[in-house]
């Protein structure tokens, strides 16, 4: 849900234009679980935007933005 929200607000980084569309990174803040419940982890995800407007997830977890917030 946060991914769609960030995409609609324009909060993404364009990585590359290629013949099928545009590859982008969307940053998402995920809350920790269990003993790390008080931590928020900023994660990177990778998507492709096709010319017809379809958004396709390429990589669920492309790494961490920096350290936890």
PDB file of N, CA and C in Angstrom:
ATOM      1  N   UNK A   1       0.821  -1.189   0.000  1.00  0.00           N
ATOM      2  CA  UNK A   1       0.000   0.000   0.000  1.00  0.00           C
ATOM      3  C   UNK A   1       0.869   1.258   0.000  1.00  0.00           C
ATOM      4  N   UNK A   2       1.932   1.255   0.811  1.00  0.00           N
ATOM      5  CA  UNK A   2       2.835   2.407   0.854  1.00  0.00           C
ATOM      6  C   UNK A   2       3.520   2.620  -0.492  1.00  0.00           C
ATOM      7  N   UNK A   3       3.777   1.534  -1.198  1.00  0.00           N
ATOM      8  CA  UNK A   3       4.438   1.642  -2.493  1.00  0.00           C
ATOM      9  C   UNK A   3       3.569   2.415  -3.473  1.00  0.00           C
ATOM     10  N   UNK A   4       2.298   2.073  -3.553  1.00  0.00           N
ATOM     11  CA  UNK A   4       1.389   2.783  -4.456  1.00  0.00           C
ATOM     12  C   UNK A   4       1.235   4.241  -4.059  1.00  0.00           C
ATOM     13  N   UNK A   5       1.198   4.476  -2.761  1.00  0.00           N
ATOM     14  CA  UNK A   5       1.095   5.851  -2.262  1.00  0.00           C
ATOM     15  C   UNK A   5       2.327   6.665  -2.668  1.00  0.00           C
ATOM     16  N   UNK A   6       3.517   6.109  -2.458  1.00  0.00           N
ATOM     17  CA  UNK A   6       4.749   6.803  -2.843  1.00  0.00           C
ATOM     18  C   UNK A   6       4.814   7.027  -4.350  1.00  0.00           C
ATOM     19  N   UNK A   7       4.399   6.029  -5.129  1.00  0.00           N
ATOM     20  CA  UNK A   7       4.414   6.159  -6.585  1.00  0.00           C
ATOM     21  C   UNK A   7       3.463   7.262  -7.043  1.00  0.00           C
ATOM     22  N   UNK A   8       2.253   7.294  -6.489  1.00  0.00           N
ATOM     23  CA  UNK A   8       1.280   8.300  -6.909  1.00  0.00           C
ATOM     24  C   UNK A   8       1.693   9.711  -6.514  1.00  0.00           C
ATOM     25  N   UNK A   9       2.483   9.833  -5.441  1.00  0.00           N
ATOM     26  CA  UNK A   9       2.979  11.143  -5.013  1.00  0.00           C
ATOM     27  C   UNK A   9       4.271  11.545  -5.736  1.00  0.00           C
ATOM     28  N   UNK A  10       4.820  10.641  -6.535  1.00  0.00           N
ATOM     29  CA  UNK A  10       6.056  10.937  -7.252  1.00  0.00           C
ATOM     30  C   UNK A  10       7.303  10.727  -6.425  1.00  0.00           C
ATOM     31  N   UNK A  11       7.193   9.969  -5.334  1.00  0.00           N
ATOM     32  CA  UNK A  11       8.342   9.696  -4.459  1.00  0.00           C
ATOM     33  C   UNK A  11       9.065   8.444  -4.937  1.00  0.00           C
ATOM     34  N   UNK A  12       9.775   8.563  -6.035  1.00  0.00           N
ATOM     35  CA  UNK A  12      10.551   7.442  -6.561  1.00  0.00           C
ATOM     36  C   UNK A  12      11.752   7.979  -7.327  1.00  0.00           C
ATOM     37  N   UNK A  13      12.694   7.108  -7.600  1.00  0.00           N
ATOM     38  CA  UNK A  13      13.914   7.460  -8.310  1.00  0.00           C
ATOM     39  C   UNK A  13      13.947   6.716  -9.636  1.00  0.00           C
ATOM     40  N   UNK A  14      14.065   7.443 -10.731  1.00  0.00           N
ATOM     41  CA  UNK A  14      14.164   6.817 -12.049  1.00  0.00           C
ATOM     42  C   UNK A  14      15.568   6.261 -12.210  1.00  0.00           C
ATOM     43  N   UNK A  15      15.650   4.968 -12.494  1.00  0.00           N
ATOM     44  CA  UNK A  15      16.947   4.318 -12.657  1.00  0.00           C
ATOM     45  C   UNK A  15      17.383   4.262 -14.109  1.00  0.00           C
ATOM     46  N   UNK A  16      16.493   3.816 -14.986  1.00  0.00           N
ATOM     47  CA  UNK A  16      16.912   3.559 -16.362  1.00  0.00           C
ATOM     48  C   UNK A  16      15.705   3.533 -17.294  1.00  0.00           C
ATOM     49  N   UNK A  17      15.881   4.124 -18.492  1.00  0.00           N
ATOM     50  CA  UNK A  17      14.902   3.974 -19.572  1.00  0.00           C
ATOM     51  C   UNK A  17      15.398   2.836 -20.459  1.00  0.00           C
ATOM     52  N   UNK A  18      14.504   1.957 -20.858  1.00  0.00           N
ATOM     53  CA  UNK A  18      14.895   0.898 -21.774  1.00  0.00           C
ATOM     54  C   UNK A  18      13.721   0.630 -22.705  1.00  0.00           C
ATOM     55  N   UNK A  19      13.868  -0.291 -23.622  1.00  0.00           N
ATOM     56  CA  UNK A  19      12.894  -0.459 -24.700  1.00  0.00           C
ATOM     57  C   UNK A  19      11.491  -0.826 -24.223  1.00  0.00           C
ATOM     58  N   UNK A  20      11.340  -1.402 -23.050  1.00  0.00           N
ATOM     59  CA  UNK A  20      10.030  -1.821 -22.556  1.00  0.00           C
ATOM     60  C   UNK A  20       9.389  -0.839 -21.590  1.00  0.00           C
ATOM     61  N   UNK A  21      10.116   0.165 -21.154  1.00  0.00           N
ATOM     62  CA  UNK A  21       9.565   1.135 -20.211  1.00  0.00           C
ATOM     63  C   UNK A  21      10.648   1.814 -19.398  1.00  0.00           C
ATOM     64  N   UNK A  22      10.338   2.073 -18.133  1.00  0.00           N
ATOM     65  CA  UNK A  22      11.246   2.788 -17.234  1.00  0.00           C
ATOM     66  C   UNK A  22      11.389   1.980 -15.951  1.00  0.00           C
ATOM     67  N   UNK A  23      12.624   1.799 -15.494  1.00  0.00           N
ATOM     68  CA  UNK A  23      12.870   1.125 -14.221  1.00  0.00           C
ATOM     69  C   UNK A  23      13.013   2.196 -13.136  1.00  0.00           C
ATOM     70  N   UNK A  24      12.327   1.965 -12.001  1.00  0.00           N
ATOM     71  CA  UNK A  24      12.356   2.919 -10.897  1.00  0.00           C
ATOM     72  C   UNK A  24      12.620   2.202  -9.581  1.00  0.00           C
ATOM     73  N   UNK A  25      13.086   2.958  -8.594  1.00  0.00           N
ATOM     74  CA  UNK A  25      13.203   2.494  -7.208  1.00  0.00           C
ATOM     75  C   UNK A  25      12.195   3.262  -6.376  1.00  0.00           C
ATOM     76  N   UNK A  26      11.473   2.557  -5.518  1.00  0.00           N
ATOM     77  CA  UNK A  26      10.555   3.177  -4.571  1.00  0.00           C
ATOM     78  C   UNK A  26      11.018   2.790  -3.178  1.00  0.00           C
ATOM     79  N   UNK A  27      11.188   3.790  -2.312  1.00  0.00           N
ATOM     80  CA  UNK A  27      11.613   3.541  -0.943  1.00  0.00           C
ATOM     81  C   UNK A  27      10.387   3.387  -0.059  1.00  0.00           C
ATOM     82  N   UNK A  28      10.432   2.392   0.835  1.00  0.00           N
ATOM     83  CA  UNK A  28       9.314   2.078   1.726  1.00  0.00           C
ATOM     84  C   UNK A  28       9.857   1.905   3.133  1.00  0.00           C
ATOM     85  N   UNK A  29       9.147   2.435   4.127  1.00  0.00           N
ATOM     86  CA  UNK A  29       9.529   2.258   5.534  1.00  0.00           C
ATOM     87  C   UNK A  29       8.709   1.121   6.121  1.00  0.00           C
ATOM     88  N   UNK A  30       9.390   0.066   6.565  1.00  0.00           N
ATOM     89  CA  UNK A  30       8.723  -1.110   7.130  1.00  0.00           C
ATOM     90  C   UNK A  30       8.977  -1.173   8.634  1.00  0.00           C
ATOM     91  N   UNK A  31       7.916  -1.383   9.426  1.00  0.00           N
ATOM     92  CA  UNK A  31       8.125  -1.524  10.876  1.00  0.00           C
ATOM     93  C   UNK A  31       8.747  -2.873  11.216  1.00  0.00           C
ATOM     94  N   UNK A  32       9.540  -2.894  12.274  1.00  0.00           N
ATOM     95  CA  UNK A  32      10.142  -4.134  12.737  1.00  0.00           C
ATOM     96  C   UNK A  32       9.109  -5.035  13.402  1.00  0.00           C
ATOM     97  N   UNK A  33       9.488  -6.273  13.643  1.00  0.00           N
ATOM     98  CA  UNK A  33       8.588  -7.236  14.283  1.00  0.00           C
ATOM     99  C   UNK A  33       9.270  -7.855  15.495  1.00  0.00           C
ATOM    100  N   UNK A  34       8.471  -8.471  16.328  1.00  0.00           N
ATOM    101  CA  UNK A  34       8.937  -9.164  17.533  1.00  0.00           C
ATOM    102  C   UNK A  34       9.769  -8.253  18.417  1.00  0.00           C
ATOM    103  N   UNK A  35      11.019  -8.602  18.688  1.00  0.00           N
ATOM    104  CA  UNK A  35      11.842  -7.788  19.585  1.00  0.00           C
ATOM    105  C   UNK A  35      12.291  -6.480  18.952  1.00  0.00           C
ATOM    106  N   UNK A  36      12.120  -6.320  17.648  1.00  0.00           N
ATOM    107  CA  UNK A  36      12.521  -5.092  16.955  1.00  0.00           C
ATOM    108  C   UNK A  36      11.305  -4.242  16.585  1.00  0.00           C
ATOM    109  N   UNK A  37      10.226  -4.376  17.347  1.00  0.00           N
ATOM    110  CA  UNK A  37       8.958  -3.726  17.034  1.00  0.00           C
ATOM    111  C   UNK A  37       9.056  -2.204  17.032  1.00  0.00           C
ATOM    112  N   UNK A  38       9.980  -1.629  17.782  1.00  0.00           N
ATOM    113  CA  UNK A  38      10.109  -0.172  17.870  1.00  0.00           C
ATOM    114  C   UNK A  38      10.972   0.419  16.765  1.00  0.00           C
ATOM    115  N   UNK A  39      11.521  -0.419  15.907  1.00  0.00           N
ATOM    116  CA  UNK A  39      12.396   0.061  14.834  1.00  0.00           C
ATOM    117  C   UNK A  39      11.637   0.175  13.519  1.00  0.00           C
ATOM    118  N   UNK A  40      12.041   1.143  12.705  1.00  0.00           N
ATOM    119  CA  UNK A  40      11.521   1.307  11.344  1.00  0.00           C
ATOM    120  C   UNK A  40      12.693   1.095  10.395  1.00  0.00           C
ATOM    121  N   UNK A  41      12.499   0.242   9.387  1.00  0.00           N
ATOM    122  CA  UNK A  41      13.566  -0.073   8.446  1.00  0.00           C
ATOM    123  C   UNK A  41      13.224   0.475   7.054  1.00  0.00           C
ATOM    124  N   UNK A  42      14.021   1.415   6.549  1.00  0.00           N
ATOM    125  CA  UNK A  42      13.786   1.970   5.211  1.00  0.00           C
ATOM    126  C   UNK A  42      14.346   1.027   4.140  1.00  0.00           C
ATOM    127  N   UNK A  43      13.473   0.489   3.296  1.00  0.00           N
ATOM    128  CA  UNK A  43      13.854  -0.494   2.291  1.00  0.00           C
ATOM    129  C   UNK A  43      13.699   0.059   0.882  1.00  0.00           C
ATOM    130  N   UNK A  44      14.448  -0.527  -0.065  1.00  0.00           N
ATOM    131  CA  UNK A  44      14.335  -0.186  -1.475  1.00  0.00           C
ATOM    132  C   UNK A  44      13.594  -1.301  -2.206  1.00  0.00           C
ATOM    133  N   UNK A  45      12.716  -0.925  -3.119  1.00  0.00           N
ATOM    134  CA  UNK A  45      12.071  -1.886  -4.006  1.00  0.00           C
ATOM    135  C   UNK A  45      12.284  -1.419  -5.440  1.00  0.00           C
ATOM    136  N   UNK A  46      12.258  -2.331  -6.396  1.00  0.00           N
ATOM    137  CA  UNK A  46      12.491  -1.981  -7.802  1.00  0.00           C
ATOM    138  C   UNK A  46      11.266  -2.364  -8.633  1.00  0.00           C
ATOM    139  N   UNK A  47      10.827  -1.439  -9.486  1.00  0.00           N
ATOM    140  CA  UNK A  47       9.652  -1.627 -10.328  1.00  0.00           C
ATOM    141  C   UNK A  47       9.969  -1.246 -11.766  1.00  0.00           C
ATOM    142  N   UNK A  48       9.118  -1.705 -12.686  1.00  0.00           N
ATOM    143  CA  UNK A  48       9.144  -1.259 -14.070  1.00  0.00           C
ATOM    144  C   UNK A  48       7.801  -0.623 -14.380  1.00  0.00           C
ATOM    145  N   UNK A  49       7.830   0.544 -15.006  1.00  0.00           N
ATOM    146  CA  UNK A  49       6.618   1.195 -15.502  1.00  0.00           C
ATOM    147  C   UNK A  49       6.590   0.975 -17.005  1.00  0.00           C
ATOM    148  N   UNK A  50       5.549   0.325 -17.495  1.00  0.00           N
ATOM    149  CA  UNK A  50       5.403   0.056 -18.921  1.00  0.00           C
ATOM    150  C   UNK A  50       4.673   1.209 -19.604  1.00  0.00           C
ATOM    151  N   UNK A  51       4.807   1.357 -20.927  1.00  0.00           N
ATOM    152  CA  UNK A  51       4.159   2.455 -21.644  1.00  0.00           C
ATOM    153  C   UNK A  51       2.634   2.507 -21.453  1.00  0.00           C
ATOM    154  N   UNK A  52       1.992   1.371 -21.181  1.00  0.00           N
ATOM    155  CA  UNK A  52       0.544   1.363 -20.969  1.00  0.00           C
ATOM    156  C   UNK A  52       0.163   1.776 -19.542  1.00  0.00           C
ATOM    157  N   UNK A  53       1.147   2.122 -18.698  1.00  0.00           N
ATOM    158  CA  UNK A  53       0.899   2.568 -17.329  1.00  0.00           C
ATOM    159  C   UNK A  53       0.961   1.471 -16.295  1.00  0.00           C
ATOM    160  N   UNK A  54       1.149   0.234 -16.708  1.00  0.00           N
ATOM    161  CA  UNK A  54       1.227  -0.884 -15.767  1.00  0.00           C
ATOM    162  C   UNK A  54       2.504  -0.793 -14.946  1.00  0.00           C
ATOM    163  N   UNK A  55       2.376  -1.057 -13.655  1.00  0.00           N
ATOM    164  CA  UNK A  55       3.504  -1.035 -12.723  1.00  0.00           C
ATOM    165  C   UNK A  55       3.786  -2.475 -12.318  1.00  0.00           C
ATOM    166  N   UNK A  56       5.029  -2.962 -12.560  1.00  0.00           N
ATOM    167  CA  UNK A  56       5.389  -4.352 -12.255  1.00  0.00           C
ATOM    168  C   UNK A  56       6.525  -4.382 -11.242  1.00  0.00           C
ATOM    169  N   UNK A  57       6.342  -5.177 -10.186  1.00  0.00           N
ATOM    170  CA  UNK A  57       7.372  -5.342  -9.168  1.00  0.00           C
ATOM    171  C   UNK A  57       8.467  -6.264  -9.692  1.00  0.00           C
ATOM    172  N   UNK A  58       9.693  -5.788  -9.679  1.00  0.00           N
ATOM    173  CA  UNK A  58      10.837  -6.589 -10.118  1.00  0.00           C
ATOM    174  C   UNK A  58      11.576  -7.197  -8.937  1.00  0.00           C
ATOM    175  N   UNK A  59      11.811  -6.402  -7.900  1.00  0.00           N
ATOM    176  CA  UNK A  59      12.561  -6.846  -6.732  1.00  0.00           C
ATOM    177  C   UNK A  59      11.840  -6.391  -5.476  1.00  0.00           C
ATOM    178  N   UNK A  60      11.412  -7.356  -4.645  1.00  0.00           N
ATOM    179  CA  UNK A  60      10.706  -7.019  -3.404  1.00  0.00           C
ATOM    180  C   UNK A  60      11.595  -6.237  -2.453  1.00  0.00           C
ATOM    181  N   UNK A  61      12.814  -6.705  -2.302  1.00  0.00           N
ATOM    182  CA  UNK A  61      13.757  -6.071  -1.386  1.00  0.00           C
ATOM    183  C   UNK A  61      15.076  -5.881  -2.117  1.00  0.00           C
ATOM    184  N   UNK A  62      15.344  -4.629  -2.479  1.00  0.00           N
ATOM    185  CA  UNK A  62      16.573  -4.325  -3.193  1.00  0.00           C
ATOM    186  C   UNK A  62      17.666  -3.825  -2.282  1.00  0.00           C
ATOM    187  N   UNK A  63      17.444  -3.869  -0.980  1.00  0.00           N
ATOM    188  CA  UNK A  63      18.437  -3.423  -0.015  1.00  0.00           C
ATOM    189  C   UNK A  63      17.854  -2.389   0.914  1.00  0.00           C
ATOM    190  N   UNK A  64      18.689  -1.883   1.786  1.00  0.00           N
ATOM    191  CA  UNK A  64      18.286  -0.858   2.740  1.00  0.00           C
ATOM    192  C   UNK A  64      18.698   0.490   2.189  1.00  0.00           C
ATOM    193  N   UNK A  65      17.898   1.530   2.489  1.00  0.00           N
ATOM    194  CA  UNK A  65      18.247   2.880   2.066  1.00  0.00           C
ATOM    195  C   UNK A  65      19.529   3.327   2.757  1.00  0.00           C
ATOM    196  N   UNK A  66      19.505   3.321   4.067  1.00  0.00           N
ATOM    197  CA  UNK A  66      20.673   3.630   4.883  1.00  0.00           C
ATOM    198  C   UNK A  66      20.611   2.709   6.087  1.00  0.00           C
ATOM    199  N   UNK A  67      20.692   3.274   7.258  1.00  0.00           N
ATOM    200  CA  UNK A  67      20.486   2.498   8.473  1.00  0.00           C
ATOM    201  C   UNK A  67      19.040   2.683   8.902  1.00  0.00           C
ATOM    202  N   UNK A  68      18.644   1.960   9.951  1.00  0.00           N
ATOM    203  CA  UNK A  68      17.281   2.085  10.425  1.00  0.00           C
ATOM    204  C   UNK A  68      17.049   3.497  10.947  1.00  0.00           C
ATOM    205  N   UNK A  69      15.794   3.917  10.917  1.00  0.00           N
ATOM    206  CA  UNK A  69      15.425   5.273  11.358  1.00  0.00           C
ATOM    207  C   UNK A  69      15.243   5.263  12.867  1.00  0.00           C
TER     208      UNK A  69
END
